[in-house]
Amino acid sequence: MSNEPCQYGGIDSVAHCGGRASGKPCSDVIYDKEKMESVKFLLNNIKEKMEETDRKSPLYESLVHQTKSLNNFINSLIQTNE
């Protein structure tokens, strides 16, 4: 974890923390396996929000990036447990 403020807002959006479209998480990210169910719940909420959001909107693009980041979290922990 970094002691410096995050230029992307940190907790405001998980998109940059978890890798966004690049697929590479922030070098300061820490994944807590105890949060897996919360992450899955959040991922479901985002997917539901995507269904009712205009695909050409900035909000939809943000939700896509957040989905990718949350999937990176899940996949990272799955690989760690193998």
N, C-alpha and C. Protein backbone atom coordinates (compact mmCIF):
# COMPACT_ATOMS: atom_id res chain seq x y z
N MET A 1 0.84 -1.18 0.00
CA MET A 1 0.00 0.00 0.00
C MET A 1 0.88 1.23 0.00
N SER A 2 0.37 2.25 -0.62
CA SER A 2 1.11 3.51 -0.70
C SER A 2 0.59 4.48 0.35
N ASN A 3 1.49 5.26 0.90
CA ASN A 3 1.09 6.31 1.84
C ASN A 3 0.70 7.59 1.12
N GLU A 4 0.95 7.63 -0.18
CA GLU A 4 0.65 8.81 -0.99
C GLU A 4 -0.80 8.76 -1.46
N PRO A 5 -1.42 9.93 -1.67
CA PRO A 5 -2.78 9.96 -2.21
C PRO A 5 -2.81 9.37 -3.62
N CYS A 6 -3.86 8.69 -3.95
CA CYS A 6 -4.01 8.09 -5.27
C CYS A 6 -4.49 9.16 -6.26
N GLN A 7 -3.82 9.24 -7.40
CA GLN A 7 -4.22 10.24 -8.40
C GLN A 7 -5.56 9.92 -9.02
N TYR A 8 -6.04 8.68 -8.85
CA TYR A 8 -7.32 8.28 -9.43
C TYR A 8 -8.45 8.25 -8.41
N GLY A 9 -8.19 8.65 -7.19
CA GLY A 9 -9.24 8.72 -6.19
C GLY A 9 -9.30 7.51 -5.27
N GLY A 10 -8.50 6.48 -5.58
CA GLY A 10 -8.47 5.31 -4.70
C GLY A 10 -9.81 4.63 -4.59
N ILE A 11 -10.40 4.69 -3.45
CA ILE A 11 -11.62 3.94 -3.16
C ILE A 11 -12.84 4.43 -3.94
N ASP A 12 -12.77 5.60 -4.53
CA ASP A 12 -13.90 6.11 -5.31
C ASP A 12 -14.26 5.21 -6.48
N SER A 13 -13.27 4.56 -7.04
CA SER A 13 -13.49 3.65 -8.17
C SER A 13 -12.43 2.57 -8.15
N VAL A 14 -12.84 1.34 -8.34
CA VAL A 14 -11.89 0.23 -8.35
C VAL A 14 -11.25 0.03 -9.72
N ALA A 15 -11.67 0.81 -10.71
CA ALA A 15 -11.20 0.59 -12.08
C ALA A 15 -9.68 0.65 -12.19
N HIS A 16 -9.07 1.67 -11.66
CA HIS A 16 -7.62 1.81 -11.79
C HIS A 16 -6.88 0.87 -10.84
N CYS A 17 -7.41 0.66 -9.66
CA CYS A 17 -6.75 -0.20 -8.68
C CYS A 17 -6.56 -1.62 -9.22
N GLY A 18 -7.59 -2.13 -9.84
CA GLY A 18 -7.58 -3.52 -10.27
C GLY A 18 -7.09 -3.77 -11.68
N GLY A 19 -6.67 -2.75 -12.38
CA GLY A 19 -6.08 -2.98 -13.68
C GLY A 19 -6.82 -2.39 -14.86
N ARG A 20 -8.04 -1.95 -14.65
CA ARG A 20 -8.81 -1.34 -15.72
C ARG A 20 -8.68 -2.18 -16.99
N ALA A 21 -8.52 -1.54 -18.12
CA ALA A 21 -8.44 -2.26 -19.38
C ALA A 21 -7.05 -2.86 -19.62
N SER A 22 -6.03 -2.32 -18.95
CA SER A 22 -4.67 -2.79 -19.17
C SER A 22 -4.45 -4.20 -18.66
N GLY A 23 -5.24 -4.59 -17.66
CA GLY A 23 -5.10 -5.91 -17.08
C GLY A 23 -4.06 -5.98 -15.97
N LYS A 24 -3.29 -4.93 -15.78
CA LYS A 24 -2.27 -4.93 -14.74
C LYS A 24 -2.73 -4.07 -13.56
N PRO A 25 -2.91 -4.69 -12.39
CA PRO A 25 -3.32 -3.93 -11.22
C PRO A 25 -2.25 -2.92 -10.81
N CYS A 26 -2.66 -1.93 -10.06
CA CYS A 26 -1.75 -0.96 -9.48
C CYS A 26 -0.69 -1.70 -8.66
N SER A 27 0.53 -1.19 -8.70
CA SER A 27 1.61 -1.85 -7.94
C SER A 27 1.38 -1.76 -6.43
N ASP A 28 0.47 -0.89 -5.97
CA ASP A 28 0.18 -0.75 -4.55
C ASP A 28 -1.08 -1.48 -4.10
N VAL A 29 -1.73 -2.17 -5.02
CA VAL A 29 -2.99 -2.83 -4.66
C VAL A 29 -2.73 -4.02 -3.72
N ILE A 30 -3.63 -4.21 -2.80
CA ILE A 30 -3.59 -5.37 -1.90
C ILE A 30 -4.96 -6.03 -1.96
N TYR A 31 -4.97 -7.30 -2.32
CA TYR A 31 -6.23 -8.06 -2.39
C TYR A 31 -6.42 -8.84 -1.11
N ASP A 32 -7.60 -8.73 -0.55
CA ASP A 32 -7.95 -9.43 0.68
C ASP A 32 -8.93 -10.55 0.34
N LYS A 33 -8.49 -11.79 0.46
CA LYS A 33 -9.36 -12.92 0.10
C LYS A 33 -10.62 -12.99 0.95
N GLU A 34 -10.60 -12.35 2.10
CA GLU A 34 -11.79 -12.30 2.95
C GLU A 34 -12.90 -11.46 2.33
N LYS A 35 -12.57 -10.66 1.34
CA LYS A 35 -13.53 -9.77 0.69
C LYS A 35 -14.14 -10.36 -0.58
N MET A 36 -13.83 -11.62 -0.87
CA MET A 36 -14.29 -12.24 -2.11
C MET A 36 -15.81 -12.15 -2.30
N GLU A 37 -16.57 -12.46 -1.29
CA GLU A 37 -18.03 -12.42 -1.42
C GLU A 37 -18.52 -10.99 -1.64
N SER A 38 -17.91 -10.02 -0.97
CA SER A 38 -18.27 -8.62 -1.18
C SER A 38 -17.96 -8.18 -2.61
N VAL A 39 -16.83 -8.64 -3.13
CA VAL A 39 -16.45 -8.30 -4.50
C VAL A 39 -17.43 -8.92 -5.49
N LYS A 40 -17.81 -10.15 -5.27
CA LYS A 40 -18.78 -10.80 -6.15
C LYS A 40 -20.14 -10.08 -6.10
N PHE A 41 -20.53 -9.64 -4.91
CA PHE A 41 -21.77 -8.90 -4.76
C PHE A 41 -21.69 -7.58 -5.53
N LEU A 42 -20.58 -6.86 -5.39
CA LEU A 42 -20.38 -5.61 -6.10
C LEU A 42 -20.38 -5.84 -7.61
N LEU A 43 -19.74 -6.89 -8.06
CA LEU A 43 -19.70 -7.23 -9.49
C LEU A 43 -21.11 -7.46 -10.02
N ASN A 44 -21.93 -8.17 -9.28
CA ASN A 44 -23.33 -8.38 -9.68
C ASN A 44 -24.09 -7.06 -9.78
N ASN A 45 -23.88 -6.18 -8.80
CA ASN A 45 -24.55 -4.88 -8.83
C ASN A 45 -24.13 -4.06 -10.04
N ILE A 46 -22.86 -4.09 -10.36
CA ILE A 46 -22.37 -3.35 -11.52
C ILE A 46 -22.95 -3.91 -12.80
N LYS A 47 -23.02 -5.23 -12.91
CA LYS A 47 -23.58 -5.85 -14.11
C LYS A 47 -25.05 -5.47 -14.28
N GLU A 48 -25.79 -5.43 -13.18
CA GLU A 48 -27.20 -5.00 -13.24
C GLU A 48 -27.30 -3.55 -13.69
N LYS A 49 -26.42 -2.70 -13.18
CA LYS A 49 -26.42 -1.29 -13.56
C LYS A 49 -26.08 -1.14 -15.04
N MET A 50 -25.20 -1.98 -15.56
CA MET A 50 -24.82 -1.93 -16.97
C MET A 50 -26.01 -2.22 -17.88
N GLU A 51 -26.89 -3.11 -17.44
CA GLU A 51 -28.06 -3.47 -18.24
C GLU A 51 -29.00 -2.29 -18.46
N GLU A 52 -29.01 -1.35 -17.53
CA GLU A 52 -29.93 -0.21 -17.64
C GLU A 52 -29.21 1.09 -18.03
N THR A 53 -27.96 0.98 -18.45
CA THR A 53 -27.16 2.15 -18.81
C THR A 53 -26.91 2.19 -20.31
N ASP A 54 -27.00 3.36 -20.88
CA ASP A 54 -26.72 3.56 -22.31
C ASP A 54 -25.29 3.14 -22.61
N ARG A 55 -25.13 2.23 -23.57
CA ARG A 55 -23.81 1.70 -23.91
C ARG A 55 -22.85 2.75 -24.47
N LYS A 56 -23.35 3.87 -24.86
CA LYS A 56 -22.50 4.92 -25.44
C LYS A 56 -22.16 6.00 -24.41
N SER A 57 -22.50 5.78 -23.16
CA SER A 57 -22.29 6.80 -22.14
C SER A 57 -20.96 6.60 -21.41
N PRO A 58 -20.43 7.68 -20.85
CA PRO A 58 -19.22 7.56 -20.03
C PRO A 58 -19.43 6.66 -18.81
N LEU A 59 -20.64 6.67 -18.26
CA LEU A 59 -20.93 5.80 -17.12
C LEU A 59 -20.76 4.34 -17.51
N TYR A 60 -21.27 3.97 -18.67
CA TYR A 60 -21.15 2.57 -19.10
C TYR A 60 -19.67 2.19 -19.25
N GLU A 61 -18.90 3.06 -19.83
CA GLU A 61 -17.46 2.79 -19.99
C GLU A 61 -16.79 2.60 -18.64
N SER A 62 -17.15 3.43 -17.68
CA SER A 62 -16.61 3.29 -16.33
C SER A 62 -17.00 1.95 -15.72
N LEU A 63 -18.24 1.55 -15.91
CA LEU A 63 -18.71 0.27 -15.37
C LEU A 63 -17.98 -0.91 -16.01
N VAL A 64 -17.67 -0.81 -17.29
CA VAL A 64 -16.91 -1.86 -17.98
C VAL A 64 -15.53 -1.99 -17.34
N HIS A 65 -14.87 -0.86 -17.11
CA HIS A 65 -13.53 -0.89 -16.50
C HIS A 65 -13.58 -1.44 -15.08
N GLN A 66 -14.62 -1.07 -14.33
CA GLN A 66 -14.75 -1.60 -12.97
C GLN A 66 -14.98 -3.10 -12.98
N THR A 67 -15.77 -3.57 -13.95
CA THR A 67 -16.02 -5.01 -14.08
C THR A 67 -14.71 -5.75 -14.36
N LYS A 68 -13.90 -5.23 -15.26
CA LYS A 68 -12.61 -5.86 -15.57
C LYS A 68 -11.72 -5.90 -14.34
N SER A 69 -11.70 -4.83 -13.58
CA SER A 69 -10.87 -4.77 -12.38
C SER A 69 -11.33 -5.76 -11.32
N LEU A 70 -12.63 -5.88 -11.13
CA LEU A 70 -13.16 -6.84 -10.15
C LEU A 70 -12.88 -8.27 -10.60
N ASN A 71 -12.98 -8.53 -11.90
CA ASN A 71 -12.64 -9.85 -12.40
C ASN A 71 -11.16 -10.14 -12.21
N ASN A 72 -10.31 -9.13 -12.33
CA ASN A 72 -8.88 -9.31 -12.06
C ASN A 72 -8.66 -9.72 -10.61
N PHE A 73 -9.40 -9.09 -9.71
CA PHE A 73 -9.33 -9.43 -8.28
C PHE A 73 -9.68 -10.91 -8.10
N ILE A 74 -10.82 -11.31 -8.64
CA ILE A 74 -11.29 -12.69 -8.48
C ILE A 74 -10.30 -13.67 -9.10
N ASN A 75 -9.87 -13.40 -10.32
CA ASN A 75 -8.96 -14.30 -11.00
C ASN A 75 -7.60 -14.40 -10.30
N SER A 76 -7.14 -13.28 -9.75
CA SER A 76 -5.87 -13.28 -9.04
C SER A 76 -5.93 -14.20 -7.81
N LEU A 77 -7.03 -14.13 -7.08
CA LEU A 77 -7.16 -14.97 -5.89
C LEU A 77 -7.39 -16.43 -6.24
N ILE A 78 -8.08 -16.68 -7.34
CA ILE A 78 -8.29 -18.06 -7.78
C ILE A 78 -6.95 -18.68 -8.15
N GLN A 79 -6.12 -17.95 -8.89
CA GLN A 79 -4.80 -18.44 -9.30
C GLN A 79 -3.91 -18.67 -8.10
N THR A 80 -4.02 -17.81 -7.09
CA THR A 80 -3.21 -17.95 -5.88
C THR A 80 -3.56 -19.24 -5.12
N ASN A 81 -4.82 -19.64 -5.18
CA ASN A 81 -5.27 -20.82 -4.45
C ASN A 81 -5.02 -22.12 -5.20
N GLU A 82 -4.61 -22.03 -6.46
CA GLU A 82 -4.37 -23.27 -7.23
C GLU A 82 -3.05 -23.88 -6.89
